[in-house]
Amino acid sequence: PKVLTLLKFDKILRKEGINMGNFAYIITKEGSSGLLANMIKGIFNVEVGIALKDEDPYYDISLRASNQYKRHLGKMVERIAKGLGGTGGGHPRAAGCRIKKDKLEEFLNKLKELI
């Protein structure tokens, strides 16, 4: 059962995931955001994987970085989210935040600049 679930998510991530070069993301309504962030990072071979869980009118966002990633992801995400009126934080390679859905494009652009 767990293997089938992982295979299902793998297929969804490959089809619906968006590769931004240095990070990749997916918007979903199901699944563990942390697990999906890790999976998409591996599938697209990027430094940071991001899973956005649709919790209207917000996105709950999980971010996971590779072991080689040198910046502190949690501090970066905290600054970006707070600047957009949201909340966030975390560890050097694992972070999370919550932003309003209408701030997504700005959030992704700021990440692209900083990652």
Protein backbone atom coordinates (compact mmCIF):
# COMPACT_ATOMS: atom_id res chain seq x y z
CA PRO A 1 0.00 0.00 0.00
CA LYS A 2 2.73 2.54 0.88
CA VAL A 3 4.68 1.61 -2.25
CA LEU A 4 1.58 2.15 -4.37
CA THR A 5 1.05 5.55 -2.75
CA LEU A 6 4.67 6.54 -3.43
CA LEU A 7 4.36 5.38 -7.04
CA LYS A 8 1.15 7.40 -7.40
CA PHE A 9 2.85 10.52 -6.03
CA ASP A 10 5.91 9.93 -8.23
CA LYS A 11 3.69 9.87 -11.31
CA ILE A 12 1.82 13.02 -10.20
CA LEU A 13 5.05 14.88 -9.40
CA ARG A 14 6.58 14.05 -12.78
CA LYS A 15 3.43 15.20 -14.58
CA GLU A 16 2.44 18.25 -12.51
CA GLY A 17 5.72 19.36 -10.92
CA ILE A 18 7.20 22.63 -12.12
CA ASN A 19 10.97 22.92 -12.50
CA MET A 20 12.27 26.45 -11.92
CA GLY A 21 15.94 25.59 -12.47
CA ASN A 22 17.33 25.73 -8.95
CA PHE A 23 14.12 24.53 -7.30
CA ALA A 24 10.98 22.62 -8.24
CA TYR A 25 7.49 22.76 -6.79
CA ILE A 26 4.03 21.23 -6.87
CA ILE A 27 0.65 22.42 -5.67
CA THR A 28 -1.46 19.68 -4.12
CA LYS A 29 -4.42 19.04 -1.84
CA GLU A 30 -3.20 15.69 -0.57
CA GLY A 31 -0.21 13.92 0.88
CA SER A 32 2.56 14.79 3.30
CA SER A 33 4.04 18.07 2.18
CA GLY A 34 7.48 17.24 3.58
CA LEU A 35 7.58 13.90 1.78
CA LEU A 36 6.43 15.47 -1.49
CA ALA A 37 9.02 18.27 -1.18
CA ASN A 38 11.75 15.66 -0.77
CA MET A 39 10.43 13.58 -3.66
CA ILE A 40 10.19 16.47 -6.12
CA LYS A 41 13.72 17.57 -5.19
CA GLY A 42 14.99 14.15 -6.23
CA ILE A 43 12.81 13.76 -9.32
CA PHE A 44 13.94 17.08 -10.81
CA ASN A 45 17.48 16.90 -9.37
CA VAL A 46 17.29 20.40 -7.89
CA GLU A 47 18.73 21.94 -4.71
CA VAL A 48 15.32 22.66 -3.15
CA GLY A 49 11.99 20.86 -3.44
CA ILE A 50 8.76 22.62 -2.51
CA ALA A 51 5.26 21.27 -1.87
CA LEU A 52 2.41 23.73 -1.56
CA LYS A 53 -0.70 22.40 0.13
CA ASP A 54 -3.85 24.25 -0.93
CA GLU A 55 -5.60 25.36 2.25
CA ASP A 56 -7.80 28.09 0.78
CA PRO A 57 -7.20 31.06 1.17
CA TYR A 58 -3.61 30.07 2.05
CA TYR A 59 -0.82 27.82 0.88
CA ASP A 60 0.93 25.77 3.56
CA ILE A 61 4.39 25.31 2.11
CA SER A 62 7.08 22.74 2.91
CA LEU A 63 10.60 23.16 1.58
CA ARG A 64 13.43 20.62 1.66
CA ALA A 65 17.02 21.27 0.59
CA SER A 66 19.74 18.89 -0.57
CA ASN A 67 22.63 18.04 1.74
CA GLN A 68 24.90 20.17 -0.45
CA TYR A 69 22.75 23.29 -0.04
CA LYS A 70 24.83 25.94 1.76
CA ARG A 71 22.31 28.59 2.85
CA HIS A 72 19.97 28.44 5.87
CA LEU A 73 16.62 27.63 4.27
CA GLY A 74 14.60 28.30 7.44
CA LYS A 75 15.94 31.83 7.92
CA MET A 76 15.46 32.64 4.23
CA VAL A 77 11.87 31.38 4.20
CA GLU A 78 11.07 33.24 7.42
CA ARG A 79 12.24 36.56 5.90
CA ILE A 80 10.35 36.03 2.64
CA ALA A 81 7.11 34.90 4.29
CA LYS A 82 7.11 37.73 6.84
CA GLY A 83 7.74 40.23 4.04
CA LEU A 84 4.60 38.95 2.34
CA GLY A 85 2.44 39.05 5.47
CA GLY A 86 2.80 35.34 6.20
CA THR A 87 4.62 33.22 8.77
CA GLY A 88 7.45 30.76 8.45
CA GLY A 89 10.78 29.42 9.57
CA GLY A 90 12.70 26.22 10.05
CA HIS A 91 16.07 24.55 9.94
CA PRO A 92 19.03 24.84 7.55
CA ARG A 93 17.63 22.22 5.15
CA ALA A 94 13.94 21.99 6.11
CA ALA A 95 11.50 24.85 6.35
CA GLY A 96 7.83 25.70 6.18
CA CYS A 97 5.63 28.72 5.84
CA ARG A 98 2.08 29.90 5.26
CA ILE A 99 1.24 32.66 2.81
CA LYS A 100 -1.94 33.96 1.22
CA LYS A 101 -2.58 32.42 -2.17
CA ASP A 102 -2.41 35.77 -3.96
CA LYS A 103 1.22 36.14 -2.80
CA LEU A 104 2.44 32.94 -4.49
CA GLU A 105 4.03 34.49 -7.58
CA GLU A 106 5.93 37.00 -5.45
CA PHE A 107 7.04 34.22 -3.07
CA LEU A 108 8.36 32.10 -5.94
CA ASN A 109 10.16 35.07 -7.52
CA LYS A 110 11.89 35.91 -4.24
CA LEU A 111 12.93 32.28 -3.82
CA LYS A 112 14.33 32.19 -7.35
CA GLU A 113 16.49 35.22 -6.52
CA LEU A 114 17.80 33.77 -3.26
CA ILE A 115 18.20 30.02 -3.79
